Amino acid sequence: MTVLDTRALNRATLARQLLLDRADLPVLDAVTHLGGLQAQEPQEPFTGLWSRLRAFDPASLDDLLTGREVVRTHLMRRTVHLVAAGDALAWRSRHDAMLRQRVLGTYRRELAGVDLGELAAAGRAVLADGEPRTMGELARAIADRWPAPGSRPLGEMLIAALIPAVQLPPRGLWRTKAGARYVPMSVWLGREIEPLPSDGGSTGAPDPAGKALARRYLAAYGPAATADLRAWSGVAGLPGAVAAIREELVSFRDERGRELLDLPGAPRPDPGTPAPVRFLPAFDNAVLGYADRGRIIDDAHRGLSVTGDRLVLVDGRVSATWTAEAGTVTVDPLRDLSRADRTAVAEEGQRLAAFLSADAEGKVQFTADC
């Protein structure tokens, strides 16, 4: 079995994530290909798409949000993701059990004794009028029935787990600040969520949503292990779906001996392919989408991927963090950068600063190298 070293996996990831070459894709096609973009920080997907698409126009993403072709909803890993509407409808049921378990993992004590079926029914009754509500407003509307847990646990269990809901614009629009207001996903999209099979997609049973998730994950993240698929989705019950499509896939090994699966015709560039500087937004799935993130970030810096730091790729690897304020991008290197690397980072950073600030004279500054 062919062994893929870290650099080969890095170049495959960059190609799948549209980070090796900016793509000439419509925004909806890019969001769909990526399986969504993590988006709890509402403005971050704009940087993620700017780094991946040629001539990206933020207005095109705004139009998709207001036109109900993409939505902001709790999905993979119980985090807010920006996903294509069709994917949200097809995948949500496959994530239901994970979403409930993760909210209970945070609020098990507060929600002890609460019948989740009754709680869901009460929440749906409040939302039945179609009026957008914040998480707190929804929780307060039923708090007289469940006063003990408090509004935060009730609201998160309802919105992040029990009731498939979407965050409405203007939240998530370009350069717009707005609170999160929710309506049921089926109301906003005018279509019902696709149900799981009656067996819940158990191992050996038909699981079209699980198989679709596995294929789509490999298209955007492969070659990858089943543990990586679980890390990206948060869903534990996908080995059966992977087994069901196993004959479609090709196999490799990484340098640790892990088996990696992939779609046979997917891009796997030569490891020597040059990789341009790329600026990633907070919580980008190019980093978070793996259990083993060594293909793109050193173990010493792994923690940065979950703390909301924005990351800079140099030669395909996380090599700096960045912030932006008042038309200036500030780069904080994580290692010594060569003169050529600093020049490339400065040039890309200036383009990003101009994009973020609408100022053609965007500026870049560095803190001291390590």
Protein backbone atom coordinates (compact mmCIF):
# COMPACT_ATOMS: atom_id res chain seq x y z
CA MET A 1 0.00 0.00 0.00
CA THR A 2 1.39 3.40 -0.99
CA VAL A 3 2.66 5.53 1.91
CA LEU A 4 1.86 9.25 1.73
CA ASP A 5 4.22 11.43 3.72
CA THR A 6 3.20 14.61 5.50
CA ARG A 7 4.07 16.84 2.56
CA ALA A 8 2.03 14.73 0.14
CA LEU A 9 -0.96 14.92 2.47
CA ASN A 10 -0.43 18.64 2.85
CA ARG A 11 -0.54 19.26 -0.88
CA ALA A 12 -3.63 17.05 -1.24
CA THR A 13 -5.38 19.02 1.49
CA LEU A 14 -4.46 22.36 -0.05
CA ALA A 15 -5.75 21.23 -3.44
CA ARG A 16 -9.04 19.91 -2.03
CA GLN A 17 -9.51 23.02 0.09
CA LEU A 18 -8.98 25.34 -2.90
CA LEU A 19 -5.88 26.75 -1.21
CA LEU A 20 -3.27 25.57 -3.70
CA ASP A 21 -4.83 27.56 -6.53
CA ARG A 22 -7.71 29.97 -6.16
CA ALA A 23 -10.72 28.49 -7.94
CA ASP A 24 -12.99 29.96 -10.58
CA LEU A 25 -16.13 28.67 -8.89
CA PRO A 26 -19.44 30.29 -8.05
CA VAL A 27 -19.68 30.90 -4.32
CA LEU A 28 -22.47 28.36 -3.84
CA ASP A 29 -20.40 25.68 -5.57
CA ALA A 30 -17.43 26.47 -3.34
CA VAL A 31 -19.50 26.31 -0.14
CA THR A 32 -20.98 23.03 -1.32
CA HIS A 33 -17.62 21.52 -2.26
CA LEU A 34 -16.14 22.42 1.12
CA GLY A 35 -19.06 20.87 2.97
CA GLY A 36 -19.66 24.25 4.56
CA LEU A 37 -17.48 26.70 6.44
CA GLN A 38 -17.34 27.00 10.21
CA ALA A 39 -18.99 30.30 10.98
CA GLN A 40 -19.64 31.02 14.64
CA GLU A 41 -17.68 34.21 14.02
CA PRO A 42 -20.02 35.71 11.39
CA GLN A 43 -17.46 37.56 9.26
CA GLU A 44 -14.87 34.79 9.04
CA PRO A 45 -16.35 32.90 6.05
CA PHE A 46 -15.74 35.96 3.89
CA THR A 47 -11.99 35.68 4.48
CA GLY A 48 -12.16 31.93 3.98
CA LEU A 49 -13.79 32.36 0.57
CA TRP A 50 -11.56 35.30 -0.40
CA SER A 51 -8.53 33.06 0.14
CA ARG A 52 -10.04 30.32 -2.02
CA LEU A 53 -11.82 32.03 -4.91
CA ARG A 54 -10.67 34.37 -7.66
CA ALA A 55 -12.44 37.73 -7.73
CA PHE A 56 -14.60 36.87 -4.71
CA ASP A 57 -17.38 39.43 -4.22
CA PRO A 58 -18.84 39.47 -0.69
CA ALA A 59 -22.18 40.60 -2.13
CA SER A 60 -22.53 37.21 -3.79
CA LEU A 61 -22.48 35.48 -0.41
CA ASP A 62 -24.92 38.03 0.98
CA ASP A 63 -27.27 37.25 -1.90
CA LEU A 64 -27.08 33.53 -1.16
CA LEU A 65 -27.93 34.12 2.49
CA THR A 66 -30.85 36.45 1.84
CA GLY A 67 -31.96 34.26 -1.08
CA ARG A 68 -32.07 31.20 1.25
CA GLU A 69 -29.58 29.20 -0.82
CA VAL A 70 -27.10 28.98 2.05
CA VAL A 71 -27.90 29.00 5.75
CA ARG A 72 -26.17 29.47 9.08
CA THR A 73 -27.04 26.58 11.40
CA HIS A 74 -25.64 24.34 14.12
CA LEU A 75 -24.28 21.26 12.42
CA MET A 76 -20.82 19.67 12.39
CA ARG A 77 -19.26 19.39 15.86
CA ARG A 78 -22.24 21.40 17.24
CA THR A 79 -20.70 24.55 15.80
CA VAL A 80 -22.41 27.11 13.60
CA HIS A 81 -21.64 26.36 9.97
CA LEU A 82 -22.43 28.17 6.75
CA VAL A 83 -23.76 25.42 4.49
CA ALA A 84 -25.72 25.02 1.29
CA ALA A 85 -29.45 24.78 1.99
CA GLY A 86 -29.70 21.36 0.37
CA ASP A 87 -26.89 20.01 2.53
CA ALA A 88 -28.50 21.38 5.67
CA LEU A 89 -31.74 19.58 4.86
CA ALA A 90 -29.99 16.35 3.88
CA TRP A 91 -27.48 16.19 6.74
CA ARG A 92 -29.26 17.58 9.77
CA SER A 93 -31.01 14.37 10.83
CA ARG A 94 -27.69 12.52 10.65
CA HIS A 95 -26.30 14.99 13.21
CA ASP A 96 -29.27 15.04 15.62
CA ALA A 97 -27.99 12.48 18.15
CA MET A 98 -24.53 14.07 18.26
CA LEU A 99 -25.99 17.54 18.80
CA ARG A 100 -28.12 16.34 21.73
CA GLN A 101 -25.20 14.49 23.28
CA ARG A 102 -22.88 17.47 23.03
CA VAL A 103 -25.34 19.90 24.59
CA LEU A 104 -26.06 17.40 27.36
CA GLY A 105 -22.32 17.01 27.86
CA THR A 106 -22.21 20.72 28.72
CA TYR A 107 -25.47 21.00 30.66
CA ARG A 108 -26.14 17.50 31.99
CA ARG A 109 -26.64 18.69 35.56
CA GLU A 110 -28.87 21.63 34.62
CA LEU A 111 -31.04 19.53 32.29
CA ALA A 112 -31.32 16.48 34.56
CA GLY A 113 -34.95 15.44 34.77
CA VAL A 114 -36.06 17.49 31.76
CA ASP A 115 -37.99 15.40 29.26
CA LEU A 116 -36.37 16.39 25.97
CA GLY A 117 -39.39 15.33 23.93
CA GLU A 118 -41.65 17.62 25.94
CA LEU A 119 -39.09 20.40 25.78
CA ALA A 120 -38.86 20.12 21.99
CA ALA A 121 -42.65 20.16 21.64
CA ALA A 122 -42.91 23.28 23.81
CA GLY A 123 -40.22 25.04 21.79
CA ARG A 124 -41.85 24.14 18.48
CA ALA A 125 -45.17 25.49 19.76
CA VAL A 126 -43.56 28.85 20.54
CA LEU A 127 -41.92 29.00 17.10
CA ALA A 128 -45.06 27.90 15.27
CA ASP A 129 -46.06 31.50 14.56
CA GLY A 130 -42.99 31.88 12.31
CA GLU A 131 -41.66 34.91 14.18
CA PRO A 132 -37.85 35.03 14.54
CA ARG A 133 -36.62 34.77 18.12
CA THR A 134 -33.30 34.86 19.88
CA MET A 135 -32.20 31.84 21.84
CA GLY A 136 -32.91 33.72 25.06
CA GLU A 137 -36.40 34.79 23.98
CA LEU A 138 -37.31 31.22 23.14
CA ALA A 139 -35.99 29.94 26.46
CA ARG A 140 -37.83 32.61 28.45
CA ALA A 141 -41.08 31.76 26.69
CA ILE A 142 -41.04 28.29 28.25
CA ALA A 143 -39.10 29.04 31.45
CA ASP A 144 -42.22 28.97 33.63
CA ARG A 145 -42.54 25.26 32.84
CA TRP A 146 -38.85 24.50 33.41
CA PRO A 147 -37.55 27.21 35.77
CA ALA A 148 -34.64 25.28 37.26
CA PRO A 149 -32.21 24.89 34.32
CA GLY A 150 -31.98 28.59 33.42
CA SER A 151 -32.36 30.19 30.02
CA ARG A 152 -28.93 29.32 28.60
CA PRO A 153 -29.20 25.51 28.92
CA LEU A 154 -32.81 25.55 27.71
CA GLY A 155 -32.04 27.81 24.78
CA GLU A 156 -28.98 25.89 23.63
CA MET A 157 -30.71 22.53 23.89
CA LEU A 158 -33.64 23.82 21.85
CA ILE A 159 -31.76 25.72 19.15
CA ALA A 160 -28.49 23.77 18.92
CA ALA A 161 -30.02 20.30 19.20
CA LEU A 162 -33.75 19.69 19.40
CA ILE A 163 -35.17 22.07 16.80
CA PRO A 164 -33.33 22.36 13.48
CA ALA A 165 -33.14 26.14 13.11
CA VAL A 166 -31.29 28.73 11.07
CA GLN A 167 -29.84 32.11 11.98
CA LEU A 168 -31.52 34.78 9.90
CA PRO A 169 -29.88 37.63 8.03
CA PRO A 170 -28.73 40.31 8.63
CA ARG A 171 -26.49 38.19 10.88
CA GLY A 172 -23.67 36.90 8.73
CA LEU A 173 -23.91 39.59 6.05
CA TRP A 174 -20.79 41.47 4.96
CA ARG A 175 -19.66 44.14 7.41
CA THR A 176 -22.90 43.82 9.33
CA LYS A 177 -23.29 43.32 13.06
CA ALA A 178 -26.52 41.67 14.15
CA GLY A 179 -27.66 39.32 16.86
CA ALA A 180 -28.65 35.73 16.21
CA ARG A 181 -32.38 35.30 15.58
CA TYR A 182 -33.79 31.91 14.70
CA VAL A 183 -36.66 30.28 12.85
CA PRO A 184 -37.14 26.57 12.11
CA MET A 185 -35.10 25.45 9.11
CA SER A 186 -38.13 23.96 7.35
CA VAL A 187 -40.02 27.26 7.67
CA TRP A 188 -37.16 29.35 6.28
CA LEU A 189 -36.42 27.00 3.40
CA GLY A 190 -39.99 25.89 2.67
CA ARG A 191 -38.85 22.25 2.60
CA GLU A 192 -38.82 19.49 5.17
CA ILE A 193 -35.64 18.00 6.58
CA GLU A 194 -34.80 14.60 5.16
CA PRO A 195 -35.47 11.94 7.81
CA LEU A 196 -33.10 9.16 8.82
CA PRO A 197 -34.03 5.61 7.83
CA SER A 198 -36.21 3.92 10.43
CA ASP A 199 -33.15 2.03 11.73
CA GLY A 200 -31.28 5.30 12.26
CA GLY A 201 -28.55 4.45 9.79
CA SER A 202 -27.10 1.67 11.93
CA THR A 203 -24.13 -0.38 10.72
CA GLY A 204 -25.05 -2.59 7.79
CA ALA A 205 -28.32 -0.74 7.12
CA PRO A 206 -29.05 1.77 4.36
CA ASP A 207 -27.60 5.14 5.29
CA PRO A 208 -27.74 7.49 2.30
CA ALA A 209 -26.97 10.60 4.38
CA GLY A 210 -23.98 8.92 6.02
CA LYS A 211 -22.61 7.70 2.71
CA ALA A 212 -23.04 11.14 1.18
CA LEU A 213 -21.22 12.71 4.13
CA ALA A 214 -18.32 10.28 3.74
CA ARG A 215 -17.98 10.90 0.00
CA ARG A 216 -18.23 14.66 0.37
CA TYR A 217 -15.72 14.69 3.20
CA LEU A 218 -13.16 12.76 1.19
CA ALA A 219 -13.69 15.03 -1.82
CA ALA A 220 -12.78 18.09 0.26
CA TYR A 221 -10.37 16.62 2.85
CA GLY A 222 -8.99 13.30 1.62
CA PRO A 223 -6.97 11.21 1.78
CA ALA A 224 -8.13 10.75 5.37
CA ALA A 225 -8.81 8.19 8.08
CA THR A 226 -12.23 7.40 9.47
CA ALA A 227 -11.10 9.16 12.67
CA ASP A 228 -10.62 12.33 10.60
CA LEU A 229 -14.15 12.05 9.22
CA ARG A 230 -15.46 11.76 12.76
CA ALA A 231 -13.38 14.75 13.90
CA TRP A 232 -14.82 16.90 11.10
CA SER A 233 -18.45 15.89 11.50
CA GLY A 234 -18.58 15.06 15.19
CA VAL A 235 -20.73 12.06 14.24
CA ALA A 236 -19.61 8.74 15.71
CA GLY A 237 -21.82 6.34 13.76
CA LEU A 238 -20.24 6.54 10.31
CA PRO A 239 -18.08 3.38 10.08
CA GLY A 240 -21.04 1.56 8.53
CA ALA A 241 -21.42 4.24 5.89
CA VAL A 242 -17.71 4.08 5.08
CA ALA A 243 -17.87 0.29 4.89
CA ALA A 244 -20.80 0.54 2.49
CA ILE A 245 -18.79 2.64 0.00
CA ARG A 246 -15.47 0.91 0.64
CA GLU A 247 -15.31 -0.69 -2.80
CA GLU A 248 -15.53 2.76 -4.38
CA LEU A 249 -12.43 3.99 -2.56
CA VAL A 250 -8.66 3.69 -2.81
CA SER A 251 -6.39 3.14 0.20
CA PHE A 252 -3.07 4.57 1.36
CA ARG A 253 -1.06 4.65 4.56
CA ASP A 254 0.44 7.62 6.33
CA GLU A 255 3.86 7.58 7.95
CA ARG A 256 2.31 6.41 11.23
CA GLY A 257 0.76 3.40 9.54
CA ARG A 258 -2.82 4.67 9.63
CA GLU A 259 -5.02 3.62 6.74
CA LEU A 260 -6.20 6.57 4.68
CA LEU A 261 -9.15 6.37 2.29
CA ASP A 262 -9.84 8.50 -0.75
CA LEU A 263 -11.91 8.89 -3.88
CA PRO A 264 -10.00 7.37 -6.79
CA GLY A 265 -10.04 10.40 -9.09
CA ALA A 266 -9.48 13.09 -6.48
CA PRO A 267 -6.46 15.44 -6.74
CA ARG A 268 -3.25 14.30 -5.08
CA PRO A 269 -0.61 16.77 -6.33
CA ASP A 270 3.09 16.09 -6.46
CA PRO A 271 4.55 16.84 -3.00
CA GLY A 272 6.98 19.25 -4.64
CA THR A 273 4.19 21.50 -5.93
CA PRO A 274 4.81 25.07 -4.69
CA ALA A 275 2.23 26.33 -2.20
CA PRO A 276 1.38 30.05 -2.06
CA VAL A 277 0.89 32.04 1.12
CA ARG A 278 -2.70 31.86 2.31
CA PHE A 279 -4.46 33.67 5.16
CA LEU A 280 -7.03 31.51 6.96
CA PRO A 281 -9.90 32.81 9.09
CA ALA A 282 -10.62 31.71 12.64
CA PHE A 283 -11.68 28.06 13.01
CA ASP A 284 -11.01 27.16 9.39
CA ASN A 285 -11.90 23.57 8.61
CA ALA A 286 -8.72 23.11 6.58
CA VAL A 287 -7.14 22.76 10.03
CA LEU A 288 -10.04 21.63 12.22
CA GLY A 289 -11.29 19.00 9.77
CA TYR A 290 -8.89 16.29 10.93
CA ALA A 291 -8.19 14.25 14.05
CA ASP A 292 -4.52 14.23 13.04
CA ARG A 293 -3.75 17.81 12.02
CA GLY A 294 -0.05 17.21 11.54
CA ARG A 295 -0.39 17.55 7.77
CA ILE A 296 -0.94 21.30 8.14
CA ILE A 297 0.01 22.44 11.68
CA ASP A 298 2.83 21.47 14.03
CA ASP A 299 1.85 19.81 17.29
CA ALA A 300 3.42 22.70 19.20
CA HIS A 301 0.89 25.08 17.63
CA ARG A 302 -2.14 22.76 17.49
CA GLY A 303 -3.90 24.67 20.26
CA LEU A 304 -4.16 27.74 18.05
CA SER A 305 -6.69 25.94 15.86
CA VAL A 306 -9.29 25.85 18.63
CA THR A 307 -8.69 29.24 20.28
CA GLY A 308 -9.91 31.36 17.38
CA ASP A 309 -6.51 32.49 16.16
CA ARG A 310 -6.38 33.37 12.47
CA LEU A 311 -3.59 31.49 10.76
CA VAL A 312 -1.13 32.11 7.93
CA LEU A 313 0.06 29.26 5.73
CA VAL A 314 3.61 29.50 4.40
CA ASP A 315 4.68 26.63 2.14
CA GLY A 316 1.38 25.02 3.09
CA ARG A 317 1.90 24.96 6.84
CA VAL A 318 0.71 27.17 9.69
CA SER A 319 3.62 29.56 10.21
CA ALA A 320 2.08 32.72 11.71
CA THR A 321 -1.07 34.21 13.15
CA TRP A 322 -2.71 37.43 12.01
CA THR A 323 -5.10 40.13 13.14
CA ALA A 324 -6.67 43.05 11.30
CA GLU A 325 -7.66 46.49 12.49
CA ALA A 326 -8.24 49.82 10.77
CA GLY A 327 -6.89 48.71 7.41
CA THR A 328 -3.74 47.09 8.80
CA VAL A 329 -3.02 43.36 8.94
CA THR A 330 -0.56 42.44 11.68
CA VAL A 331 1.34 39.18 11.25
CA ASP A 332 2.88 37.39 14.23
CA PRO A 333 5.31 34.69 12.98
CA LEU A 334 5.48 31.36 14.76
CA ARG A 335 8.91 30.64 13.29
CA ASP A 336 11.69 32.57 11.59
CA LEU A 337 10.63 33.50 8.08
CA SER A 338 13.07 33.90 5.23
CA ARG A 339 13.21 37.20 3.39
CA ALA A 340 11.35 35.65 0.46
CA ASP A 341 8.66 34.29 2.76
CA ARG A 342 8.23 37.65 4.49
CA THR A 343 7.85 39.34 1.13
CA ALA A 344 5.22 36.83 0.02
CA VAL A 345 3.34 37.15 3.33
CA ALA A 346 3.45 40.95 3.10
CA GLU A 347 2.12 40.96 -0.46
CA GLU A 348 -0.77 38.61 0.31
CA GLY A 349 -1.43 40.40 3.59
CA GLN A 350 -1.68 43.74 1.82
CA ARG A 351 -4.25 42.31 -0.58
CA LEU A 352 -6.21 40.94 2.37
CA ALA A 353 -6.03 44.27 4.21
CA ALA A 354 -7.41 46.03 1.15
CA PHE A 355 -10.24 43.48 0.90
CA LEU A 356 -11.20 43.76 4.55
CA SER A 357 -11.05 47.54 4.71
CA ALA A 358 -12.08 48.50 1.16
CA ASP A 359 -8.86 50.51 1.14
CA ALA A 360 -6.56 50.00 -1.82
CA GLU A 361 -3.71 51.11 0.44
CA GLY A 362 -4.12 48.28 2.93
CA LYS A 363 -1.05 47.87 5.16
CA VAL A 364 0.85 44.95 6.68
CA GLN A 365 3.11 44.95 9.71
CA PHE A 366 5.07 42.17 11.38
CA THR A 367 5.80 41.55 14.99
CA ALA A 368 9.33 40.24 15.59
CA ASP A 369 10.20 36.81 14.18
CA CYS A 370 10.56 33.97 16.66
